[in-house]
């Protein structure tokens, strides 16, 4: 059954649009209250957000819905998404809710929901929630004496910072490292610089002045080139870019070369296998991950499992195959030994640990494999007319014929934006260019 509100990563839409306005969010809060109230104990929910202006409206609306169903709410304020997942579990909450549209601009916002163990909700639960949202949910409001209470948790970021620091070996520190850190004017603008500085690094911070409208604007993991330029200018050892809600990371070496999630996955897999830390000698990536990653893993007897795009699907496959490392090319990296969801700074700390232990330049540490030439094309489908399904499928088949055994093409609808994403990968750069032209010209003509 097709979902009405939820996509591949919670709910995401334009702020104040019908899918994400105050009324809809209040009904979501009420529906969550109905679905997750089990037993006679006091139920509690933790709610965090990034720095978008629209977060105020959503926070108050969803809180009102939860309170009206008898649940207590702890408001965390701006905090990264993995901090919400961590606090939901550590504070014995029934739910954790993050208000964020991740790497999107301030014009959008969204909701990510975690259960009591810090895991994202299943498709079935999301469908159950949608059914409740479109029902007469008001019939289930509690009596006045049973209504919930809301309060702010002032030390939320402090708890999260200590949790992250404890994932770094106590015998090591970051002294002597100069790090450029771009927080995307987002949820990690408070916590991330503190973590690196308290562990001993010299930190040059970017994207730490949010104003409600500048999240991800020419900064963060969607614009790592600015961080890379700063690394070269400052003669820093490494650069770290987070996205708007802090669950995604892109890195660059001291030369300014961008290091994506595939390279990070390869680095962690090879290093962890060497020290017998890699569960089942396998990792999970997605259909978008570069074939060069699969080749280097195969050479080292590490199996690569490919999941559907979306960190939730990566996590599900990780559980199925008992892998403790998984992620996406975009920089969502899940390290199950530490936390149940992607965490940009925990991933950064594990990368920094390897650089320190190897005692070599980041350029020698981070460039694990030579990626196959690859191109990701995005086509706006917001007008609803660009896609003609049969013609598009035929075009994809024609491109597969052009690629032959030299490469692959993969097309999918974005679960978070009105985009069709087409990934083309080919060993032969001339063939790659021809296929790119074929795809571009097809959509121009539509």
Protein backbone atom coordinates (compact mmCIF):
# COMPACT_ATOMS: atom_id res chain seq x y z
CA UNK A 1 0.00 0.00 0.00
CA UNK A 2 1.37 3.43 -0.95
CA UNK A 3 1.96 5.77 1.97
CA UNK A 4 0.32 9.19 2.05
CA UNK A 5 2.49 11.08 4.53
CA UNK A 6 5.66 9.04 5.08
CA UNK A 7 8.52 8.57 2.62
CA UNK A 8 11.78 6.63 2.87
CA UNK A 9 12.92 8.68 5.87
CA UNK A 10 9.91 9.77 7.87
CA UNK A 11 7.77 12.69 6.72
CA UNK A 12 9.34 15.43 4.62
CA UNK A 13 7.63 18.29 2.80
CA UNK A 14 7.51 22.04 2.35
CA UNK A 15 7.01 23.82 5.67
CA UNK A 16 3.39 24.76 6.35
CA UNK A 17 2.19 22.61 3.45
CA UNK A 18 -0.82 20.29 4.05
CA UNK A 19 1.47 17.35 4.85
CA UNK A 20 3.42 19.34 7.43
CA UNK A 21 1.23 22.13 8.81
CA UNK A 22 0.25 22.58 12.45
CA UNK A 23 -3.03 20.70 12.16
CA UNK A 24 -1.45 17.66 10.49
CA UNK A 25 1.36 17.58 13.06
CA UNK A 26 -1.12 17.75 15.93
CA UNK A 27 -2.97 14.78 14.44
CA UNK A 28 0.34 12.94 14.08
CA UNK A 29 1.04 13.55 17.77
CA UNK A 30 -2.41 12.28 18.71
CA UNK A 31 -1.99 9.20 16.51
CA UNK A 32 1.42 8.43 18.02
CA UNK A 33 -0.13 8.74 21.46
CA UNK A 34 -2.89 6.31 20.59
CA UNK A 35 -0.58 3.76 18.96
CA UNK A 36 2.23 3.82 21.54
CA UNK A 37 0.26 4.04 24.79
CA UNK A 38 0.55 0.54 26.21
CA UNK A 39 0.19 -0.21 29.90
CA UNK A 40 -0.64 1.96 32.91
CA UNK A 41 2.77 3.62 33.37
CA UNK A 42 3.40 7.27 32.52
CA UNK A 43 4.48 7.42 28.90
CA UNK A 44 7.13 9.86 27.75
CA UNK A 45 8.43 11.18 24.43
CA UNK A 46 11.63 13.11 23.71
CA UNK A 47 11.50 15.70 20.91
CA UNK A 48 14.53 17.32 19.27
CA UNK A 49 14.85 19.61 16.28
CA UNK A 50 17.35 21.27 13.97
CA UNK A 51 17.62 25.03 13.47
CA UNK A 52 14.85 25.68 10.91
CA UNK A 53 12.45 28.51 11.67
CA UNK A 54 9.49 26.22 11.01
CA UNK A 55 10.63 23.90 13.80
CA UNK A 56 8.84 26.03 16.39
CA UNK A 57 5.41 25.47 14.85
CA UNK A 58 5.92 21.74 14.36
CA UNK A 59 7.36 21.27 17.84
CA UNK A 60 4.40 22.92 19.53
CA UNK A 61 1.81 21.23 17.34
CA UNK A 62 3.08 17.67 17.73
CA UNK A 63 3.61 18.29 21.45
CA UNK A 64 -0.02 19.40 21.82
CA UNK A 65 -1.21 16.21 20.14
CA UNK A 66 0.90 14.01 22.41
CA UNK A 67 -0.14 15.84 25.59
CA UNK A 68 -3.80 15.55 24.66
CA UNK A 69 -3.36 11.76 24.57
CA UNK A 70 -1.78 11.64 28.03
CA UNK A 71 1.92 11.39 27.13
CA UNK A 72 4.62 13.49 28.82
CA UNK A 73 7.04 15.34 26.56
CA UNK A 74 10.69 16.28 27.10
CA UNK A 75 11.78 19.04 24.71
CA UNK A 76 15.47 18.77 23.82
CA UNK A 77 15.87 21.85 21.62
CA UNK A 78 18.41 21.84 18.76
CA UNK A 79 20.24 18.50 18.83
CA UNK A 80 21.40 16.07 16.11
CA UNK A 81 19.08 13.27 15.05
CA UNK A 82 21.26 10.51 16.58
CA UNK A 83 21.12 12.40 19.88
CA UNK A 84 17.33 11.98 19.87
CA UNK A 85 17.69 8.25 19.16
CA UNK A 86 20.25 7.90 21.95
CA UNK A 87 18.21 9.83 24.51
CA UNK A 88 15.01 7.95 23.65
CA UNK A 89 16.76 4.76 24.69
CA UNK A 90 18.79 6.06 27.64
CA UNK A 91 15.85 7.94 29.19
CA UNK A 92 13.46 4.99 28.80
CA UNK A 93 11.16 7.00 26.57
CA UNK A 94 8.49 5.31 24.49
CA UNK A 95 9.38 7.41 21.45
CA UNK A 96 11.96 9.83 20.10
CA UNK A 97 10.92 12.44 17.54
CA UNK A 98 13.30 14.56 15.46
CA UNK A 99 12.02 17.61 13.60
CA UNK A 100 14.29 18.01 10.59
CA UNK A 101 14.50 17.84 6.81
CA UNK A 102 18.12 16.69 7.01
CA UNK A 103 20.11 18.10 4.04
CA UNK A 104 17.18 20.02 2.46
CA UNK A 105 16.96 23.82 2.57
CA UNK A 106 15.06 25.73 5.27
CA UNK A 107 12.00 25.80 3.00
CA UNK A 108 11.35 22.15 3.91
CA UNK A 109 11.00 20.36 7.20
CA UNK A 110 10.16 16.88 8.36
CA UNK A 111 9.70 14.29 11.08
CA UNK A 112 11.86 11.28 11.95
CA UNK A 113 10.50 8.91 14.58
CA UNK A 114 12.39 6.39 16.73
CA UNK A 115 11.07 3.65 18.99
CA UNK A 116 12.25 3.06 22.57
CA UNK A 117 15.38 1.28 21.30
CA UNK A 118 16.41 4.11 18.97
CA UNK A 119 15.27 2.32 15.80
CA UNK A 120 13.24 3.97 13.06
CA UNK A 121 9.65 2.82 12.63
CA UNK A 122 8.77 0.05 10.20
CA UNK A 123 6.65 0.56 7.07
CA UNK A 124 3.77 -1.27 8.79
CA UNK A 125 3.77 1.06 11.80
CA UNK A 126 3.91 4.10 9.51
CA UNK A 127 0.87 2.81 7.62
CA UNK A 128 -0.94 2.26 10.93
CA UNK A 129 -0.13 5.84 11.92
CA UNK A 130 -1.47 7.19 8.63
CA UNK A 131 -4.70 5.29 9.12
CA UNK A 132 -5.11 6.84 12.58
CA UNK A 133 -4.25 10.33 11.30
CA UNK A 134 -7.09 10.12 8.76
CA UNK A 135 -9.57 8.69 11.28
CA UNK A 136 -11.66 10.35 13.98
CA UNK A 137 -8.66 10.37 16.30
CA UNK A 138 -10.32 13.06 18.46
CA UNK A 139 -12.56 10.36 19.90
CA UNK A 140 -9.57 9.01 21.83
CA UNK A 141 -8.57 12.20 23.69
CA UNK A 142 -7.94 11.57 27.40
CA UNK A 143 -9.86 13.19 30.23
CA UNK A 144 -8.41 16.43 31.67
CA UNK A 145 -6.76 14.85 34.71
CA UNK A 146 -4.85 12.40 32.50
CA UNK A 147 -3.33 14.96 30.13
CA UNK A 148 0.45 15.01 29.78
CA UNK A 149 3.07 17.53 30.89
CA UNK A 150 5.86 19.14 28.85
CA UNK A 151 9.21 20.48 30.01
CA UNK A 152 12.60 21.32 28.55
CA UNK A 153 15.59 19.07 29.19
CA UNK A 154 18.36 21.62 29.63
CA UNK A 155 21.30 19.18 29.56
CA UNK A 156 20.30 17.20 26.46
CA UNK A 157 23.35 18.20 24.41
CA UNK A 158 25.69 17.64 27.38
CA UNK A 159 24.41 14.07 27.75
CA UNK A 160 24.83 13.47 24.02
CA UNK A 161 28.35 14.93 23.95
CA UNK A 162 29.53 12.62 26.72
CA UNK A 163 27.97 9.64 24.97
CA UNK A 164 29.85 10.46 21.75
CA UNK A 165 33.16 11.10 23.49
CA UNK A 166 32.91 7.70 25.18
CA UNK A 167 33.02 6.01 21.75
CA UNK A 168 36.60 7.28 21.33
CA UNK A 169 39.39 5.23 22.97
CA UNK A 170 40.37 6.74 26.31
CA UNK A 171 44.06 6.06 25.65
CA UNK A 172 43.99 8.33 22.56
CA UNK A 173 43.39 12.04 21.99
CA UNK A 174 43.29 14.46 19.07
CA UNK A 175 46.18 16.68 20.17
CA UNK A 176 48.23 17.93 17.25
CA UNK A 177 45.37 17.66 14.74
CA UNK A 178 43.99 20.76 13.04
CA UNK A 179 40.43 20.05 11.90
CA UNK A 180 38.07 22.15 9.79
CA UNK A 181 34.51 21.35 10.90
CA UNK A 182 31.42 22.46 8.95
CA UNK A 183 28.19 22.04 10.94
CA UNK A 184 25.85 23.23 8.13
CA UNK A 185 24.27 25.85 10.43
CA UNK A 186 22.28 22.87 11.65
CA UNK A 187 21.54 20.71 14.64
CA UNK A 188 25.18 19.91 15.50
CA UNK A 189 26.37 23.52 15.69
CA UNK A 190 26.60 23.35 19.49
CA UNK A 191 27.78 19.81 20.15
CA UNK A 192 30.21 18.92 17.35
CA UNK A 193 32.87 21.63 17.94
CA UNK A 194 32.86 20.90 21.68
CA UNK A 195 33.48 17.18 21.14
CA UNK A 196 36.55 17.71 18.95
CA UNK A 197 37.98 20.49 21.13
CA UNK A 198 37.52 18.56 24.38
CA UNK A 199 39.34 15.60 22.82
CA UNK A 200 42.32 17.88 22.10
CA UNK A 201 41.98 19.05 18.49
CA UNK A 202 42.47 22.55 17.13
CA UNK A 203 39.03 23.22 15.62
CA UNK A 204 38.25 25.69 12.85
CA UNK A 205 34.46 25.87 12.81
CA UNK A 206 32.20 26.75 9.89
CA UNK A 207 28.41 26.76 9.66
CA UNK A 208 27.89 27.45 13.37
CA UNK A 209 25.76 30.61 13.13
CA UNK A 210 22.20 29.44 12.41
CA UNK A 211 19.49 32.05 11.92
CA UNK A 212 16.57 29.77 11.07
CA UNK A 213 16.96 30.31 7.32
CA UNK A 214 20.57 29.37 6.50
CA UNK A 215 20.66 25.66 7.32
CA UNK A 216 22.57 23.78 4.56
CA UNK A 217 22.89 27.02 2.58
CA UNK A 218 26.21 26.76 0.70
CA UNK A 219 27.61 24.76 3.58
CA UNK A 220 27.58 21.30 5.11
CA UNK A 221 27.71 17.90 3.43
CA UNK A 222 25.80 19.09 0.34
CA UNK A 223 28.47 21.74 -0.31
CA UNK A 224 31.73 20.17 0.89
CA UNK A 225 33.81 22.18 -1.59
CA UNK A 226 33.77 25.17 0.77
CA UNK A 227 35.11 23.05 3.62
CA UNK A 228 37.76 21.58 1.30
CA UNK A 229 38.97 25.04 0.27
CA UNK A 230 39.24 26.06 3.92
CA UNK A 231 41.28 22.95 4.74
CA UNK A 232 43.84 23.88 2.10
CA UNK A 233 43.89 27.54 3.16
CA UNK A 234 44.38 26.71 6.84
CA UNK A 235 46.84 23.87 6.14
CA UNK A 236 44.58 21.65 8.23
CA UNK A 237 44.99 17.89 8.59
CA UNK A 238 41.41 16.96 7.69
CA UNK A 239 37.99 18.46 7.05
CA UNK A 240 34.64 17.20 8.35
CA UNK A 241 31.23 18.17 6.95
CA UNK A 242 27.95 17.32 8.65
CA UNK A 243 24.45 17.76 7.26
CA UNK A 244 21.60 19.74 8.78
CA UNK A 245 20.61 17.11 11.35
CA UNK A 246 24.06 15.67 12.02
CA UNK A 247 23.49 12.06 10.95
CA UNK A 248 25.56 12.29 7.78
CA UNK A 249 29.23 13.03 7.12
CA UNK A 250 31.50 13.89 4.20
CA UNK A 251 35.26 14.27 4.75
CA UNK A 252 38.20 15.73 2.86
CA UNK A 253 41.92 15.03 3.23
CA UNK A 254 44.66 17.61 3.77
CA UNK A 255 44.86 18.17 0.01
CA UNK A 256 41.18 19.08 -0.20
CA UNK A 257 40.09 15.86 -1.90
CA UNK A 258 36.49 14.92 -1.04
CA UNK A 259 36.00 11.56 0.69
CA UNK A 260 32.46 10.18 0.43
CA UNK A 261 30.57 7.52 2.35
CA UNK A 262 31.84 4.67 0.16
CA UNK A 263 35.46 5.46 0.99
CA UNK A 264 34.58 5.74 4.68
CA UNK A 265 32.83 2.37 4.58
CA UNK A 266 35.86 0.82 2.90
CA UNK A 267 38.24 2.31 5.45
CA UNK A 268 36.24 1.08 8.43
CA UNK A 269 35.65 -2.36 6.93
CA UNK A 270 39.32 -3.02 6.18
CA UNK A 271 40.55 -1.64 9.50
CA UNK A 272 37.96 -3.41 11.60
CA UNK A 273 38.55 -6.71 9.84
CA UNK A 274 42.28 -6.41 10.52
CA UNK A 275 41.57 -6.16 14.24
CA UNK A 276 38.73 -8.73 14.28
CA UNK A 277 36.08 -6.09 14.93
CA UNK A 278 34.07 -6.64 11.73
CA UNK A 279 31.03 -8.80 12.41
CA UNK A 280 30.54 -11.70 9.95
CA UNK A 281 33.24 -10.23 7.67
CA UNK A 282 30.59 -8.26 5.81
CA UNK A 283 29.13 -4.78 5.51
CA UNK A 284 25.93 -3.32 4.04
CA UNK A 285 25.79 -0.56 1.43
CA UNK A 286 23.19 0.35 -1.19
CA UNK A 287 22.61 -0.01 -4.91
CA UNK A 288 24.14 3.47 -5.33
CA UNK A 289 27.52 2.54 -3.84
CA UNK A 290 30.45 2.53 -6.24
CA UNK A 291 31.54 -0.82 -7.66
CA UNK A 292 35.09 0.09 -6.72
CA UNK A 293 34.08 -0.42 -3.09
CA UNK A 294 32.79 -3.90 -3.85
CA UNK A 295 36.02 -4.79 -5.67
CA UNK A 296 38.33 -3.75 -2.82
CA UNK A 297 36.16 -5.59 -0.30
CA UNK A 298 36.14 -8.75 -2.40
CA UNK A 299 39.95 -8.66 -2.58
CA UNK A 300 40.01 -8.65 1.21
CA UNK A 301 37.39 -11.39 1.63
CA UNK A 302 34.71 -9.01 2.87
CA UNK A 303 31.20 -9.46 1.52
CA UNK A 304 29.18 -6.44 0.44
CA UNK A 305 25.41 -6.71 0.85
CA UNK A 306 23.41 -4.12 -1.10
CA UNK A 307 20.18 -2.77 0.40
CA UNK A 308 17.57 -0.40 -1.01
CA UNK A 309 18.46 3.28 -0.73
CA UNK A 310 17.60 4.73 2.68
CA UNK A 311 19.39 4.30 6.00
CA UNK A 312 16.38 2.50 7.45
CA UNK A 313 16.70 -0.23 4.81
CA UNK A 314 20.45 -0.40 5.36
CA UNK A 315 19.81 -0.94 9.07
CA UNK A 316 17.22 -3.65 8.41
CA UNK A 317 19.66 -5.58 6.22
CA UNK A 318 22.42 -5.11 8.80
CA UNK A 319 20.20 -6.85 11.33
CA UNK A 320 19.34 -9.59 8.84
CA UNK A 321 22.99 -10.43 8.07
CA UNK A 322 24.36 -9.45 11.51
CA UNK A 323 26.66 -6.75 10.12
CA UNK A 324 27.95 -4.01 12.42
CA UNK A 325 29.01 -1.59 9.65
CA UNK A 326 26.70 -0.20 7.00
CA UNK A 327 25.87 2.98 5.19
CA UNK A 328 25.37 5.01 2.06
CA UNK A 329 27.57 6.84 -0.39
CA UNK A 330 25.91 10.07 0.76
CA UNK A 331 27.56 9.72 4.16
CA UNK A 332 24.95 8.01 6.32
CA UNK A 333 27.14 5.56 8.23
CA UNK A 334 25.65 3.20 10.83
CA UNK A 335 28.02 1.66 13.37
CA UNK A 336 25.87 -0.72 15.38
CA UNK A 337 28.52 -1.26 18.05
CA UNK A 338 27.87 2.30 19.21
CA UNK A 339 24.38 3.46 18.18
CA UNK A 340 21.34 2.18 16.27
CA UNK A 341 21.27 4.95 13.67
CA UNK A 342 23.64 7.03 11.56
CA UNK A 343 25.81 9.45 13.53
CA UNK A 344 28.15 11.83 11.72
CA UNK A 345 30.37 12.65 14.67
CA UNK A 346 30.72 9.07 15.92
CA UNK A 347 31.79 8.13 12.39
CA UNK A 348 34.23 11.06 12.36
CA UNK A 349 35.76 9.91 15.64
CA UNK A 350 36.29 6.40 14.30
CA UNK A 351 37.99 7.80 11.18
CA UNK A 352 40.17 10.09 13.29
CA UNK A 353 41.08 7.14 15.51
CA UNK A 354 42.38 5.23 12.47
CA UNK A 355 44.40 8.23 11.25
CA UNK A 356 46.02 8.57 14.68
CA UNK A 357 46.73 4.86 15.00
CA UNK A 358 48.27 4.73 11.51
CA UNK A 359 50.21 7.94 12.22
CA UNK A 360 50.05 9.08 8.62
CA UNK A 361 48.54 11.84 6.50
CA UNK A 362 44.79 11.69 5.96
CA UNK A 363 45.34 11.46 2.19
CA UNK A 364 47.21 8.18 2.67
CA UNK A 365 44.58 6.84 5.07
CA UNK A 366 41.30 7.84 3.46
CA UNK A 367 41.71 7.02 -0.24
CA UNK A 368 40.95 3.30 0.01
CA UNK A 369 40.07 2.50 -3.61
CA UNK A 370 39.92 4.08 -7.04
CA UNK A 371 36.22 4.58 -7.76
CA UNK A 372 34.74 3.69 -11.11
CA UNK A 373 33.63 6.75 -13.10
CA UNK A 374 30.13 7.49 -11.84
CA UNK A 375 27.54 10.21 -12.38
CA UNK A 376 24.40 10.98 -10.39
CA UNK A 377 21.75 12.95 -12.29
CA UNK A 378 18.74 14.55 -10.60
CA UNK A 379 15.59 15.51 -12.51
CA UNK A 380 12.88 17.71 -10.99
CA UNK A 381 9.48 16.01 -11.21
CA UNK A 382 7.55 18.44 -9.03
CA UNK A 383 5.31 19.45 -11.96
CA UNK A 384 4.15 15.83 -12.25
CA UNK A 385 4.55 15.78 -16.02
CA UNK A 386 8.18 14.85 -16.55
CA UNK A 387 7.71 11.13 -16.02
CA UNK A 388 6.18 8.97 -18.72
CA UNK A 389 6.71 5.59 -17.12
CA UNK A 390 6.83 3.34 -20.21
CA UNK A 391 9.07 5.70 -22.17
CA UNK A 392 11.37 6.16 -19.17
CA UNK A 393 11.70 2.40 -18.68
CA UNK A 394 12.51 1.94 -22.36
CA UNK A 395 15.16 4.67 -22.18
CA UNK A 396 16.76 2.93 -19.17
CA UNK A 397 16.80 -0.38 -21.07
CA UNK A 398 18.45 1.30 -24.06
CA UNK A 399 21.11 2.73 -21.77
CA UNK A 400 21.74 -0.71 -20.28
CA UNK A 401 22.38 -2.00 -23.79
CA UNK A 402 24.83 0.85 -24.39
CA UNK A 403 26.69 0.04 -21.16
CA UNK A 404 26.80 -3.72 -21.75
CA UNK A 405 29.20 -5.38 -19.30
CA UNK A 406 31.12 -2.15 -18.81
CA UNK A 407 28.75 -0.56 -16.29
CA UNK A 408 25.28 -0.15 -14.86
CA UNK A 409 22.45 2.36 -14.63
CA UNK A 410 20.03 2.71 -11.74
CA UNK A 411 16.99 4.98 -11.50
CA UNK A 412 14.85 5.64 -8.47
CA UNK A 413 12.40 8.16 -7.08
CA UNK A 414 13.77 10.18 -4.17
CA UNK A 415 11.92 9.48 -0.94
CA UNK A 416 12.64 12.94 0.45
CA UNK A 417 12.45 15.32 -2.53
CA UNK A 418 10.49 15.65 -5.79
CA UNK A 419 13.37 14.24 -7.80
CA UNK A 420 14.10 11.29 -10.03
CA UNK A 421 17.67 10.18 -9.35
CA UNK A 422 19.59 8.39 -12.10
CA UNK A 423 22.98 6.87 -11.27
CA UNK A 424 25.26 5.83 -14.15
CA UNK A 425 28.51 3.98 -13.57
CA UNK A 426 30.95 2.73 -16.23
CA UNK A 427 34.55 1.59 -16.49
CA UNK A 428 34.81 3.31 -19.86
CA UNK A 429 34.53 7.10 -19.46
CA UNK A 430 33.65 7.58 -23.16
CA UNK A 431 30.69 5.22 -22.88
CA UNK A 432 29.71 6.92 -19.61
CA UNK A 433 29.59 10.32 -21.33
CA UNK A 434 27.42 8.92 -24.15
CA UNK A 435 24.93 7.45 -21.69
CA UNK A 436 24.81 10.70 -19.71
CA UNK A 437 24.00 12.59 -22.91
CA UNK A 438 21.32 10.03 -23.78
CA UNK A 439 19.62 10.45 -20.40
CA UNK A 440 19.88 14.24 -20.43
CA UNK A 441 18.47 14.56 -23.93
CA UNK A 442 15.59 12.20 -23.09
CA UNK A 443 14.37 14.39 -20.23
CA UNK A 444 14.92 17.61 -22.18
CA UNK A 445 12.56 16.33 -24.87
CA UNK A 446 9.82 15.30 -22.41
